[in-house]
Amino acid sequence: MGLRIAVIVVVIAIAAGAAYYFIEGRYDSIQDILQSPEKYTSRPVLVKGKVDEVISHPLLATFGLSSAFALSDGEHKIWVGSKSSAPKQGESKVVKGSVKATISVMGRSFGPIIMEEAK
């Protein structure tokens, strides 16, 4: 019985470490995406930050979006287009999506922009 519990504990520890590596330890740098967006256009990106600015406007539907928001890592920010409702300003958020070229909405240019994967 004691060996079985030890094996279970080891398996849980390994799973937790793997989850940390693949989720927490694998974020893409907002700065790197902004500096070289072409390196990120062929694969999904995962970024983490705080919501800095939020736009929710019917015109976003033209692009198939419900909201757009700026995600900041404290030094750099990148715009995210989302089919989900707008997050709250100041909220911490993890975004998985794909990097797209600059787009213009309501007279403002945003780019590069991350198009968030539908949840």
PDB file of N, CA and C in Angstrom:
ATOM      1  N   MET A   1       0.827  -1.200   0.000  1.00  0.00           N
ATOM      2  CA  MET A   1       0.000   0.000   0.000  1.00  0.00           C
ATOM      3  C   MET A   1       0.870   1.263   0.000  1.00  0.00           C
ATOM      4  N   GLY A   2       1.951   1.252   0.814  1.00  0.00           N
ATOM      5  CA  GLY A   2       2.835   2.404   0.887  1.00  0.00           C
ATOM      6  C   GLY A   2       3.526   2.684  -0.433  1.00  0.00           C
ATOM      7  N   LEU A   3       3.913   1.627  -1.160  1.00  0.00           N
ATOM      8  CA  LEU A   3       4.549   1.785  -2.464  1.00  0.00           C
ATOM      9  C   LEU A   3       3.569   2.371  -3.475  1.00  0.00           C
ATOM     10  N   ARG A   4       2.340   1.924  -3.425  1.00  0.00           N
ATOM     11  CA  ARG A   4       1.294   2.428  -4.338  1.00  0.00           C
ATOM     12  C   ARG A   4       1.090   3.934  -4.137  1.00  0.00           C
ATOM     13  N   ILE A   5       1.045   4.369  -2.905  1.00  0.00           N
ATOM     14  CA  ILE A   5       0.880   5.802  -2.612  1.00  0.00           C
ATOM     15  C   ILE A   5       2.096   6.575  -3.097  1.00  0.00           C
ATOM     16  N   ALA A   6       3.285   6.035  -2.887  1.00  0.00           N
ATOM     17  CA  ALA A   6       4.506   6.704  -3.350  1.00  0.00           C
ATOM     18  C   ALA A   6       4.501   6.846  -4.870  1.00  0.00           C
ATOM     19  N   VAL A   7       4.070   5.816  -5.585  1.00  0.00           N
ATOM     20  CA  VAL A   7       3.995   5.870  -7.044  1.00  0.00           C
ATOM     21  C   VAL A   7       2.984   6.924  -7.481  1.00  0.00           C
ATOM     22  N   ILE A   8       1.856   6.977  -6.825  1.00  0.00           N
ATOM     23  CA  ILE A   8       0.821   7.974  -7.155  1.00  0.00           C
ATOM     24  C   ILE A   8       1.354   9.386  -6.935  1.00  0.00           C
ATOM     25  N   VAL A   9       2.054   9.586  -5.826  1.00  0.00           N
ATOM     26  CA  VAL A   9       2.617  10.909  -5.528  1.00  0.00           C
ATOM     27  C   VAL A   9       3.644  11.301  -6.595  1.00  0.00           C
ATOM     28  N   VAL A  10       4.483  10.369  -7.014  1.00  0.00           N
ATOM     29  CA  VAL A  10       5.491  10.650  -8.035  1.00  0.00           C
ATOM     30  C   VAL A  10       4.818  10.982  -9.370  1.00  0.00           C
ATOM     31  N   VAL A  11       3.797  10.226  -9.738  1.00  0.00           N
ATOM     32  CA  VAL A  11       3.079  10.491 -10.992  1.00  0.00           C
ATOM     33  C   VAL A  11       2.435  11.873 -10.959  1.00  0.00           C
ATOM     34  N   ILE A  12       1.818  12.238  -9.849  1.00  0.00           N
ATOM     35  CA  ILE A  12       1.193  13.566  -9.719  1.00  0.00           C
ATOM     36  C   ILE A  12       2.259  14.654  -9.808  1.00  0.00           C
ATOM     37  N   ALA A  13       3.401  14.448  -9.170  1.00  0.00           N
ATOM     38  CA  ALA A  13       4.478  15.445  -9.218  1.00  0.00           C
ATOM     39  C   ALA A  13       4.999  15.626 -10.635  1.00  0.00           C
ATOM     40  N   ILE A  14       5.162  14.526 -11.355  1.00  0.00           N
ATOM     41  CA  ILE A  14       5.625  14.609 -12.741  1.00  0.00           C
ATOM     42  C   ILE A  14       4.591  15.326 -13.601  1.00  0.00           C
ATOM     43  N   ALA A  15       3.323  15.002 -13.421  1.00  0.00           N
ATOM     44  CA  ALA A  15       2.260  15.659 -14.193  1.00  0.00           C
ATOM     45  C   ALA A  15       2.214  17.152 -13.887  1.00  0.00           C
ATOM     46  N   ALA A  16       2.364  17.517 -12.619  1.00  0.00           N
ATOM     47  CA  ALA A  16       2.349  18.937 -12.252  1.00  0.00           C
ATOM     48  C   ALA A  16       3.537  19.663 -12.872  1.00  0.00           C
ATOM     49  N   GLY A  17       4.710  19.034 -12.860  1.00  0.00           N
ATOM     50  CA  GLY A  17       5.891  19.647 -13.478  1.00  0.00           C
ATOM     51  C   GLY A  17       5.717  19.814 -14.971  1.00  0.00           C
ATOM     52  N   ALA A  18       5.169  18.809 -15.620  1.00  0.00           N
ATOM     53  CA  ALA A  18       4.927  18.899 -17.063  1.00  0.00           C
ATOM     54  C   ALA A  18       3.916  19.993 -17.370  1.00  0.00           C
ATOM     55  N   ALA A  19       2.860  20.075 -16.577  1.00  0.00           N
ATOM     56  CA  ALA A  19       1.852  21.115 -16.789  1.00  0.00           C
ATOM     57  C   ALA A  19       2.470  22.500 -16.636  1.00  0.00           C
ATOM     58  N   TYR A  20       3.308  22.676 -15.620  1.00  0.00           N
ATOM     59  CA  TYR A  20       3.973  23.969 -15.437  1.00  0.00           C
ATOM     60  C   TYR A  20       4.838  24.301 -16.649  1.00  0.00           C
ATOM     61  N   TYR A  21       5.604  23.331 -17.117  1.00  0.00           N
ATOM     62  CA  TYR A  21       6.491  23.564 -18.254  1.00  0.00           C
ATOM     63  C   TYR A  21       5.705  23.929 -19.505  1.00  0.00           C
ATOM     64  N   PHE A  22       4.646  23.189 -19.784  1.00  0.00           N
ATOM     65  CA  PHE A  22       3.903  23.404 -21.016  1.00  0.00           C
ATOM     66  C   PHE A  22       2.920  24.557 -20.928  1.00  0.00           C
ATOM     67  N   ILE A  23       2.545  24.968 -19.740  1.00  0.00           N
ATOM     68  CA  ILE A  23       1.591  26.070 -19.616  1.00  0.00           C
ATOM     69  C   ILE A  23       2.286  27.328 -19.102  1.00  0.00           C
ATOM     70  N   GLU A  24       2.831  27.259 -17.914  1.00  0.00           N
ATOM     71  CA  GLU A  24       3.408  28.442 -17.277  1.00  0.00           C
ATOM     72  C   GLU A  24       4.759  28.824 -17.865  1.00  0.00           C
ATOM     73  N   GLY A  25       5.584  27.848 -18.217  1.00  0.00           N
ATOM     74  CA  GLY A  25       6.938  28.139 -18.636  1.00  0.00           C
ATOM     75  C   GLY A  25       7.115  28.340 -20.126  1.00  0.00           C
ATOM     76  N   ARG A  26       6.057  28.383 -20.886  1.00  0.00           N
ATOM     77  CA  ARG A  26       6.168  28.409 -22.341  1.00  0.00           C
ATOM     78  C   ARG A  26       5.515  29.640 -22.979  1.00  0.00           C
ATOM     79  N   TYR A  27       5.472  30.742 -22.276  1.00  0.00           N
ATOM     80  CA  TYR A  27       4.872  31.940 -22.859  1.00  0.00           C
ATOM     81  C   TYR A  27       5.808  32.567 -23.876  1.00  0.00           C
ATOM     82  N   ASP A  28       5.206  33.094 -24.934  1.00  0.00           N
ATOM     83  CA  ASP A  28       5.974  33.850 -25.917  1.00  0.00           C
ATOM     84  C   ASP A  28       6.110  35.280 -25.411  1.00  0.00           C
ATOM     85  N   SER A  29       7.217  35.909 -25.723  1.00  0.00           N
ATOM     86  CA  SER A  29       7.492  37.277 -25.298  1.00  0.00           C
ATOM     87  C   SER A  29       6.750  38.270 -26.202  1.00  0.00           C
ATOM     88  N   ILE A  30       6.009  39.177 -25.586  1.00  0.00           N
ATOM     89  CA  ILE A  30       5.318  40.216 -26.353  1.00  0.00           C
ATOM     90  C   ILE A  30       6.345  41.049 -27.117  1.00  0.00           C
ATOM     91  N   GLN A  31       7.448  41.375 -26.471  1.00  0.00           N
ATOM     92  CA  GLN A  31       8.496  42.160 -27.130  1.00  0.00           C
ATOM     93  C   GLN A  31       9.024  41.443 -28.371  1.00  0.00           C
ATOM     94  N   ASP A  32       9.282  40.143 -28.263  1.00  0.00           N
ATOM     95  CA  ASP A  32       9.793  39.392 -29.410  1.00  0.00           C
ATOM     96  C   ASP A  32       8.781  39.367 -30.553  1.00  0.00           C
ATOM     97  N   ILE A  33       7.507  39.203 -30.228  1.00  0.00           N
ATOM     98  CA  ILE A  33       6.463  39.196 -31.261  1.00  0.00           C
ATOM     99  C   ILE A  33       6.409  40.543 -31.965  1.00  0.00           C
ATOM    100  N   LEU A  34       6.484  41.630 -31.201  1.00  0.00           N
ATOM    101  CA  LEU A  34       6.428  42.974 -31.789  1.00  0.00           C
ATOM    102  C   LEU A  34       7.651  43.251 -32.670  1.00  0.00           C
ATOM    103  N   GLN A  35       8.818  42.768 -32.252  1.00  0.00           N
ATOM    104  CA  GLN A  35      10.049  43.025 -32.998  1.00  0.00           C
ATOM    105  C   GLN A  35      10.153  42.175 -34.265  1.00  0.00           C
ATOM    106  N   SER A  36       9.663  40.944 -34.220  1.00  0.00           N
ATOM    107  CA  SER A  36       9.793  40.039 -35.372  1.00  0.00           C
ATOM    108  C   SER A  36       8.506  39.237 -35.574  1.00  0.00           C
ATOM    109  N   PRO A  37       7.419  39.904 -35.932  1.00  0.00           N
ATOM    110  CA  PRO A  37       6.140  39.187 -36.053  1.00  0.00           C
ATOM    111  C   PRO A  37       6.165  38.060 -37.075  1.00  0.00           C
ATOM    112  N   GLU A  38       7.002  38.186 -38.096  1.00  0.00           N
ATOM    113  CA  GLU A  38       7.060  37.157 -39.135  1.00  0.00           C
ATOM    114  C   GLU A  38       7.527  35.810 -38.587  1.00  0.00           C
ATOM    115  N   LYS A  39       8.262  35.807 -37.491  1.00  0.00           N
ATOM    116  CA  LYS A  39       8.717  34.552 -36.883  1.00  0.00           C
ATOM    117  C   LYS A  39       7.572  33.796 -36.201  1.00  0.00           C
ATOM    118  N   TYR A  40       6.464  34.485 -35.970  1.00  0.00           N
ATOM    119  CA  TYR A  40       5.374  33.903 -35.185  1.00  0.00           C
ATOM    120  C   TYR A  40       4.107  33.642 -36.001  1.00  0.00           C
ATOM    121  N   THR A  41       4.120  33.974 -37.279  1.00  0.00           N
ATOM    122  CA  THR A  41       2.895  33.855 -38.075  1.00  0.00           C
ATOM    123  C   THR A  41       2.562  32.418 -38.459  1.00  0.00           C
ATOM    124  N   SER A  42       3.514  31.505 -38.354  1.00  0.00           N
ATOM    125  CA  SER A  42       3.258  30.133 -38.793  1.00  0.00           C
ATOM    126  C   SER A  42       2.962  29.170 -37.641  1.00  0.00           C
ATOM    127  N   ARG A  43       2.805  29.701 -36.433  1.00  0.00           N
ATOM    128  CA  ARG A  43       2.533  28.828 -35.288  1.00  0.00           C
ATOM    129  C   ARG A  43       1.687  29.557 -34.246  1.00  0.00           C
ATOM    130  N   PRO A  44       1.008  28.797 -33.398  1.00  0.00           N
ATOM    131  CA  PRO A  44       0.240  29.442 -32.327  1.00  0.00           C
ATOM    132  C   PRO A  44       1.175  30.119 -31.323  1.00  0.00           C
ATOM    133  N   VAL A  45       0.712  31.202 -30.731  1.00  0.00           N
ATOM    134  CA  VAL A  45       1.471  31.874 -29.678  1.00  0.00           C
ATOM    135  C   VAL A  45       0.665  31.817 -28.383  1.00  0.00           C
ATOM    136  N   LEU A  46       1.377  31.923 -27.275  1.00  0.00           N
ATOM    137  CA  LEU A  46       0.765  31.956 -25.953  1.00  0.00           C
ATOM    138  C   LEU A  46       1.412  33.107 -25.208  1.00  0.00           C
ATOM    139  N   VAL A  47       0.622  34.120 -24.872  1.00  0.00           N
ATOM    140  CA  VAL A  47       1.144  35.291 -24.165  1.00  0.00           C
ATOM    141  C   VAL A  47       0.342  35.527 -22.893  1.00  0.00           C
ATOM    142  N   LYS A  48       0.981  36.205 -21.964  1.00  0.00           N
ATOM    143  CA  LYS A  48       0.370  36.466 -20.663  1.00  0.00           C
ATOM    144  C   LYS A  48       0.593  37.930 -20.317  1.00  0.00           C
ATOM    145  N   GLY A  49      -0.417  38.564 -19.738  1.00  0.00           N
ATOM    146  CA  GLY A  49      -0.269  39.946 -19.320  1.00  0.00           C
ATOM    147  C   GLY A  49      -1.537  40.478 -18.685  1.00  0.00           C
ATOM    148  N   LYS A  50      -1.566  41.790 -18.521  1.00  0.00           N
ATOM    149  CA  LYS A  50      -2.743  42.459 -17.974  1.00  0.00           C
ATOM    150  C   LYS A  50      -3.431  43.229 -19.091  1.00  0.00           C
ATOM    151  N   VAL A  51      -4.744  43.230 -19.039  1.00  0.00           N
ATOM    152  CA  VAL A  51      -5.530  43.962 -20.028  1.00  0.00           C
ATOM    153  C   VAL A  51      -5.357  45.449 -19.751  1.00  0.00           C
ATOM    154  N   ASP A  52      -4.842  46.162 -20.753  1.00  0.00           N
ATOM    155  CA  ASP A  52      -4.487  47.577 -20.597  1.00  0.00           C
ATOM    156  C   ASP A  52      -5.566  48.509 -21.149  1.00  0.00           C
ATOM    157  N   GLU A  53      -6.157  48.121 -22.246  1.00  0.00           N
ATOM    158  CA  GLU A  53      -7.155  48.964 -22.921  1.00  0.00           C
ATOM    159  C   GLU A  53      -8.138  48.027 -23.615  1.00  0.00           C
ATOM    160  N   VAL A  54      -9.410  48.398 -23.626  1.00  0.00           N
ATOM    161  CA  VAL A  54     -10.443  47.530 -24.199  1.00  0.00           C
ATOM    162  C   VAL A  54     -11.273  48.313 -25.201  1.00  0.00           C
ATOM    163  N   ILE A  55     -11.551  47.692 -26.340  1.00  0.00           N
ATOM    164  CA  ILE A  55     -12.436  48.276 -27.345  1.00  0.00           C
ATOM    165  C   ILE A  55     -13.533  47.263 -27.638  1.00  0.00           C
ATOM    166  N   SER A  56     -14.750  47.711 -27.511  1.00  0.00           N
ATOM    167  CA  SER A  56     -15.896  46.880 -27.866  1.00  0.00           C
ATOM    168  C   SER A  56     -16.803  47.761 -28.722  1.00  0.00           C
ATOM    169  N   HIS A  57     -16.868  47.470 -30.008  1.00  0.00           N
ATOM    170  CA  HIS A  57     -17.593  48.334 -30.937  1.00  0.00           C
ATOM    171  C   HIS A  57     -18.199  47.461 -32.029  1.00  0.00           C
ATOM    172  N   PRO A  58     -19.411  47.806 -32.502  1.00  0.00           N
ATOM    173  CA  PRO A  58     -20.048  47.005 -33.557  1.00  0.00           C
ATOM    174  C   PRO A  58     -19.209  46.873 -34.828  1.00  0.00           C
ATOM    175  N   LEU A  59     -18.347  47.848 -35.094  1.00  0.00           N
ATOM    176  CA  LEU A  59     -17.493  47.806 -36.281  1.00  0.00           C
ATOM    177  C   LEU A  59     -16.524  46.623 -36.259  1.00  0.00           C
ATOM    178  N   LEU A  60     -16.214  46.117 -35.076  1.00  0.00           N
ATOM    179  CA  LEU A  60     -15.316  44.970 -34.963  1.00  0.00           C
ATOM    180  C   LEU A  60     -15.902  43.730 -35.628  1.00  0.00           C
ATOM    181  N   ALA A  61     -17.217  43.674 -35.727  1.00  0.00           N
ATOM    182  CA  ALA A  61     -17.881  42.533 -36.372  1.00  0.00           C
ATOM    183  C   ALA A  61     -17.462  42.398 -37.832  1.00  0.00           C
ATOM    184  N   THR A  62     -17.031  43.496 -38.446  1.00  0.00           N
ATOM    185  CA  THR A  62     -16.518  43.474 -39.818  1.00  0.00           C
ATOM    186  C   THR A  62     -15.352  42.492 -39.944  1.00  0.00           C
ATOM    187  N   PHE A  63     -14.598  42.361 -38.869  1.00  0.00           N
ATOM    188  CA  PHE A  63     -13.443  41.462 -38.838  1.00  0.00           C
ATOM    189  C   PHE A  63     -13.788  40.128 -38.160  1.00  0.00           C
ATOM    190  N   GLY A  64     -15.063  39.922 -37.863  1.00  0.00           N
ATOM    191  CA  GLY A  64     -15.484  38.701 -37.188  1.00  0.00           C
ATOM    192  C   GLY A  64     -15.130  38.687 -35.709  1.00  0.00           C
ATOM    193  N   LEU A  65     -14.982  39.876 -35.125  1.00  0.00           N
ATOM    194  CA  LEU A  65     -14.579  39.996 -33.723  1.00  0.00           C
ATOM    195  C   LEU A  65     -15.685  40.594 -32.870  1.00  0.00           C
ATOM    196  N   SER A  66     -15.650  40.275 -31.584  1.00  0.00           N
ATOM    197  CA  SER A  66     -16.565  40.894 -30.622  1.00  0.00           C
ATOM    198  C   SER A  66     -15.869  41.984 -29.824  1.00  0.00           C
ATOM    199  N   SER A  67     -14.555  41.829 -29.636  1.00  0.00           N
ATOM    200  CA  SER A  67     -13.804  42.804 -28.850  1.00  0.00           C
ATOM    201  C   SER A  67     -12.347  42.818 -29.280  1.00  0.00           C
ATOM    202  N   ALA A  68     -11.656  43.855 -28.872  1.00  0.00           N
ATOM    203  CA  ALA A  68     -10.205  43.969 -29.057  1.00  0.00           C
ATOM    204  C   ALA A  68      -9.662  44.570 -27.767  1.00  0.00           C
ATOM    205  N   PHE A  69      -8.486  44.114 -27.373  1.00  0.00           N
ATOM    206  CA  PHE A  69      -7.899  44.653 -26.150  1.00  0.00           C
ATOM    207  C   PHE A  69      -6.385  44.613 -26.247  1.00  0.00           C
ATOM    208  N   ALA A  70      -5.750  45.525 -25.520  1.00  0.00           N
ATOM    209  CA  ALA A  70      -4.290  45.568 -25.460  1.00  0.00           C
ATOM    210  C   ALA A  70      -3.857  44.763 -24.244  1.00  0.00           C
ATOM    211  N   LEU A  71      -2.915  43.859 -24.464  1.00  0.00           N
ATOM    212  CA  LEU A  71      -2.367  43.034 -23.396  1.00  0.00           C
ATOM    213  C   LEU A  71      -0.955  43.519 -23.117  1.00  0.00           C
ATOM    214  N   SER A  72      -0.675  43.861 -21.865  1.00  0.00           N
ATOM    215  CA  SER A  72       0.621  44.436 -21.497  1.00  0.00           C
ATOM    216  C   SER A  72       1.383  43.508 -20.559  1.00  0.00           C
ATOM    217  N   ASP A  73       2.692  43.397 -20.800  1.00  0.00           N
ATOM    218  CA  ASP A  73       3.544  42.630 -19.884  1.00  0.00           C
ATOM    219  C   ASP A  73       4.247  43.553 -18.891  1.00  0.00           C
ATOM    220  N   GLY A  74       3.849  44.814 -18.866  1.00  0.00           N
ATOM    221  CA  GLY A  74       4.466  45.801 -17.988  1.00  0.00           C
ATOM    222  C   GLY A  74       5.386  46.750 -18.740  1.00  0.00           C
ATOM    223  N   GLU A  75       5.955  46.276 -19.833  1.00  0.00           N
ATOM    224  CA  GLU A  75       6.836  47.108 -20.657  1.00  0.00           C
ATOM    225  C   GLU A  75       6.334  47.266 -22.079  1.00  0.00           C
ATOM    226  N   HIS A  76       5.714  46.229 -22.602  1.00  0.00           N
ATOM    227  CA  HIS A  76       5.255  46.218 -23.995  1.00  0.00           C
ATOM    228  C   HIS A  76       3.799  45.811 -24.033  1.00  0.00           C
ATOM    229  N   LYS A  77       3.115  46.253 -25.073  1.00  0.00           N
ATOM    230  CA  LYS A  77       1.733  45.807 -25.211  1.00  0.00           C
ATOM    231  C   LYS A  77       1.448  45.424 -26.649  1.00  0.00           C
ATOM    232  N   ILE A  78       0.546  44.455 -26.778  1.00  0.00           N
ATOM    233  CA  ILE A  78       0.144  43.962 -28.083  1.00  0.00           C
ATOM    234  C   ILE A  78      -1.375  43.884 -28.102  1.00  0.00           C
ATOM    235  N   TRP A  79      -1.950  44.162 -29.258  1.00  0.00           N
ATOM    236  CA  TRP A  79      -3.404  44.112 -29.398  1.00  0.00           C
ATOM    237  C   TRP A  79      -3.861  42.697 -29.688  1.00  0.00           C
ATOM    238  N   VAL A  80      -5.002  42.360 -29.134  1.00  0.00           N
ATOM    239  CA  VAL A  80      -5.602  41.041 -29.300  1.00  0.00           C
ATOM    240  C   VAL A  80      -7.016  41.220 -29.833  1.00  0.00           C
ATOM    241  N   GLY A  81      -7.338  40.520 -30.905  1.00  0.00           N
ATOM    242  CA  GLY A  81      -8.701  40.492 -31.421  1.00  0.00           C
ATOM    243  C   GLY A  81      -9.371  39.226 -30.912  1.00  0.00           C
ATOM    244  N   SER A  82     -10.606  39.348 -30.433  1.00  0.00           N
ATOM    245  CA  SER A  82     -11.271  38.204 -29.815  1.00  0.00           C
ATOM    246  C   SER A  82     -12.715  38.073 -30.277  1.00  0.00           C
ATOM    247  N   LYS A  83     -13.169  36.841 -30.392  1.00  0.00           N
ATOM    248  CA  LYS A  83     -14.573  36.575 -30.692  1.00  0.00           C
ATOM    249  C   LYS A  83     -15.386  36.487 -29.399  1.00  0.00           C
ATOM    250  N   SER A  84     -14.696  36.554 -28.271  1.00  0.00           N
ATOM    251  CA  SER A  84     -15.344  36.518 -26.959  1.00  0.00           C
ATOM    252  C   SER A  84     -15.680  37.936 -26.505  1.00  0.00           C
ATOM    253  N   SER A  85     -16.474  38.033 -25.460  1.00  0.00           N
ATOM    254  CA  SER A  85     -16.798  39.349 -24.918  1.00  0.00           C
ATOM    255  C   SER A  85     -15.538  39.988 -24.341  1.00  0.00           C
ATOM    256  N   ALA A  86     -15.571  41.293 -24.220  1.00  0.00           N
ATOM    257  CA  ALA A  86     -14.404  42.058 -23.786  1.00  0.00           C
ATOM    258  C   ALA A  86     -14.038  41.727 -22.339  1.00  0.00           C
ATOM    259  N   PRO A  87     -12.751  41.537 -22.071  1.00  0.00           N
ATOM    260  CA  PRO A  87     -12.315  41.340 -20.681  1.00  0.00           C
ATOM    261  C   PRO A  87     -12.334  42.678 -19.950  1.00  0.00           C
ATOM    262  N   LYS A  88     -12.182  42.631 -18.647  1.00  0.00           N
ATOM    263  CA  LYS A  88     -12.147  43.859 -17.848  1.00  0.00           C
ATOM    264  C   LYS A  88     -10.745  44.444 -17.865  1.00  0.00           C
ATOM    265  N   GLN A  89     -10.682  45.772 -17.924  1.00  0.00           N
ATOM    266  CA  GLN A  89      -9.388  46.453 -17.865  1.00  0.00           C
ATOM    267  C   GLN A  89      -8.727  46.115 -16.527  1.00  0.00           C
ATOM    268  N   GLY A  90      -7.430  45.791 -16.564  1.00  0.00           N
ATOM    269  CA  GLY A  90      -6.683  45.447 -15.362  1.00  0.00           C
ATOM    270  C   GLY A  90      -6.679  43.956 -15.057  1.00  0.00           C
ATOM    271  N   GLU A  91      -7.502  43.189 -15.758  1.00  0.00           N
ATOM    272  CA  GLU A  91      -7.587  41.741 -15.558  1.00  0.00           C
ATOM    273  C   GLU A  91      -6.334  41.053 -16.090  1.00  0.00           C
ATOM    274  N   SER A  92      -5.823  40.073 -15.351  1.00  0.00           N
ATOM    275  CA  SER A  92      -4.723  39.246 -15.853  1.00  0.00           C
ATOM    276  C   SER A  92      -5.308  38.238 -16.819  1.00  0.00           C
ATOM    277  N   LYS A  93      -4.598  38.008 -17.930  1.00  0.00           N
ATOM    278  CA  LYS A  93      -5.159  37.147 -18.967  1.00  0.00           C
ATOM    279  C   LYS A  93      -4.050  36.411 -19.699  1.00  0.00           C
ATOM    280  N   VAL A  94      -4.343  35.166 -20.047  1.00  0.00           N
ATOM    281  CA  VAL A  94      -3.476  34.364 -20.907  1.00  0.00           C
ATOM    282  C   VAL A  94      -4.215  34.223 -22.229  1.00  0.00           C
ATOM    283  N   VAL A  95      -3.507  34.489 -23.319  1.00  0.00           N
ATOM    284  CA  VAL A  95      -4.126  34.441 -24.650  1.00  0.00           C
ATOM    285  C   VAL A  95      -3.357  33.460 -25.528  1.00  0.00           C
ATOM    286  N   LYS A  96      -4.111  32.575 -26.175  1.00  0.00           N
ATOM    287  CA  LYS A  96      -3.539  31.690 -27.183  1.00  0.00           C
ATOM    288  C   LYS A  96      -4.151  32.100 -28.507  1.00  0.00           C
ATOM    289  N   GLY A  97      -3.313  32.279 -29.516  1.00  0.00           N
ATOM    290  CA  GLY A  97      -3.829  32.705 -30.811  1.00  0.00           C
ATOM    291  C   GLY A  97      -2.760  32.708 -31.876  1.00  0.00           C
ATOM    292  N   SER A  98      -3.063  33.415 -32.947  1.00  0.00           N
ATOM    293  CA  SER A  98      -2.125  33.509 -34.064  1.00  0.00           C
ATOM    294  C   SER A  98      -1.841  34.972 -34.368  1.00  0.00           C
ATOM    295  N   VAL A  99      -0.608  35.245 -34.785  1.00  0.00           N
ATOM    296  CA  VAL A  99      -0.167  36.609 -35.078  1.00  0.00           C
ATOM    297  C   VAL A  99      -0.570  36.968 -36.506  1.00  0.00           C
ATOM    298  N   LYS A 100      -1.178  38.135 -36.649  1.00  0.00           N
ATOM    299  CA  LYS A 100      -1.606  38.644 -37.960  1.00  0.00           C
ATOM    300  C   LYS A 100      -0.965  39.999 -38.199  1.00  0.00           C
ATOM    301  N   ALA A 101      -1.011  40.423 -39.465  1.00  0.00           N
ATOM    302  CA  ALA A 101      -0.471  41.735 -39.841  1.00  0.00           C
ATOM    303  C   ALA A 101      -1.327  42.851 -39.245  1.00  0.00           C
ATOM    304  N   THR A 102      -0.889  44.038 -39.432  1.00  0.00           N
ATOM    305  CA  THR A 102      -1.589  45.218 -38.941  1.00  0.00           C
ATOM    306  C   THR A 102      -2.969  45.347 -39.573  1.00  0.00           C
ATOM    307  N   ILE A 103      -3.958  45.719 -38.762  1.00  0.00           N
ATOM    308  CA  ILE A 103      -5.292  46.028 -39.278  1.00  0.00           C
ATOM    309  C   ILE A 103      -5.690  47.414 -38.802  1.00  0.00           C
ATOM    310  N   SER A 104      -6.600  48.053 -39.511  1.00  0.00           N
ATOM    311  CA  SER A 104      -7.097  49.370 -39.127  1.00  0.00           C
ATOM    312  C   SER A 104      -8.564  49.265 -38.750  1.00  0.00           C
ATOM    313  N   VAL A 105      -8.888  49.805 -37.594  1.00  0.00           N
ATOM    314  CA  VAL A 105     -10.256  49.811 -37.097  1.00  0.00           C
ATOM    315  C   VAL A 105     -10.543  51.200 -36.551  1.00  0.00           C
ATOM    316  N   MET A 106     -11.629  51.788 -36.986  1.00  0.00           N
ATOM    317  CA  MET A 106     -12.052  53.103 -36.503  1.00  0.00           C
ATOM    318  C   MET A 106     -10.934  54.135 -36.593  1.00  0.00           C
ATOM    319  N   GLY A 107     -10.171  54.092 -37.670  1.00  0.00           N
ATOM    320  CA  GLY A 107      -9.128  55.080 -37.891  1.00  0.00           C
ATOM    321  C   GLY A 107      -7.837  54.832 -37.121  1.00  0.00           C
ATOM    322  N   ARG A 108      -7.767  53.735 -36.385  1.00  0.00           N
ATOM    323  CA  ARG A 108      -6.547  53.405 -35.635  1.00  0.00           C
ATOM    324  C   ARG A 108      -5.918  52.159 -36.229  1.00  0.00           C
ATOM    325  N   SER A 109      -4.607  52.159 -36.302  1.00  0.00           N
ATOM    326  CA  SER A 109      -3.887  50.980 -36.779  1.00  0.00           C
ATOM    327  C   SER A 109      -3.464  50.135 -35.586  1.00  0.00           C
ATOM    328  N   PHE A 110      -3.659  48.849 -35.714  1.00  0.00           N
ATOM    329  CA  PHE A 110      -3.285  47.910 -34.670  1.00  0.00           C
ATOM    330  C   PHE A 110      -2.426  46.830 -35.315  1.00  0.00           C
ATOM    331  N   GLY A 111      -1.246  46.647 -34.813  1.00  0.00           N
ATOM    332  CA  GLY A 111      -0.457  45.580 -35.386  1.00  0.00           C
ATOM    333  C   GLY A 111       0.962  45.580 -34.905  1.00  0.00           C
ATOM    334  N   PRO A 112       1.558  44.430 -34.954  1.00  0.00           N
ATOM    335  CA  PRO A 112       0.859  43.184 -35.240  1.00  0.00           C
ATOM    336  C   PRO A 112      -0.201  42.913 -34.185  1.00  0.00           C
ATOM    337  N   ILE A 113      -1.142  42.067 -34.530  1.00  0.00           N
ATOM    338  CA  ILE A 113      -2.248  41.752 -33.631  1.00  0.00           C
ATOM    339  C   ILE A 113      -2.335  40.233 -33.464  1.00  0.00           C
ATOM    340  N   ILE A 114      -2.717  39.807 -32.279  1.00  0.00           N
ATOM    341  CA  ILE A 114      -2.949  38.384 -32.035  1.00  0.00           C
ATOM    342  C   ILE A 114      -4.440  38.137 -32.157  1.00  0.00           C
ATOM    343  N   MET A 115      -4.799  37.192 -33.010  1.00  0.00           N
ATOM    344  CA  MET A 115      -6.203  36.781 -33.123  1.00  0.00           C
ATOM    345  C   MET A 115      -6.391  35.608 -32.169  1.00  0.00           C
ATOM    346  N   GLU A 116      -7.156  35.852 -31.103  1.00  0.00           N
ATOM    347  CA  GLU A 116      -7.360  34.835 -30.079  1.00  0.00           C
ATOM    348  C   GLU A 116      -8.134  33.649 -30.616  1.00  0.00           C
ATOM    349  N   GLU A 117      -7.691  32.457 -30.247  1.00  0.00           N
ATOM    350  CA  GLU A 117      -8.423  31.252 -30.632  1.00  0.00           C
ATOM    351  C   GLU A 117      -9.775  31.232 -29.936  1.00  0.00           C
ATOM    352  N   ALA A 118     -10.792  30.776 -30.651  1.00  0.00           N
ATOM    353  CA  ALA A 118     -12.120  30.651 -30.053  1.00  0.00           C
ATOM    354  C   ALA A 118     -12.071  29.627 -28.932  1.00  0.00           C
ATOM    355  N   LYS A 119     -12.808  29.913 -27.890  1.00  0.00           N
ATOM    356  CA  LYS A 119     -12.818  28.997 -26.738  1.00  0.00           C
ATOM    357  C   LYS A 119     -14.052  28.139 -26.762  1.00  0.00           C
TER     358      LYS A 119
END
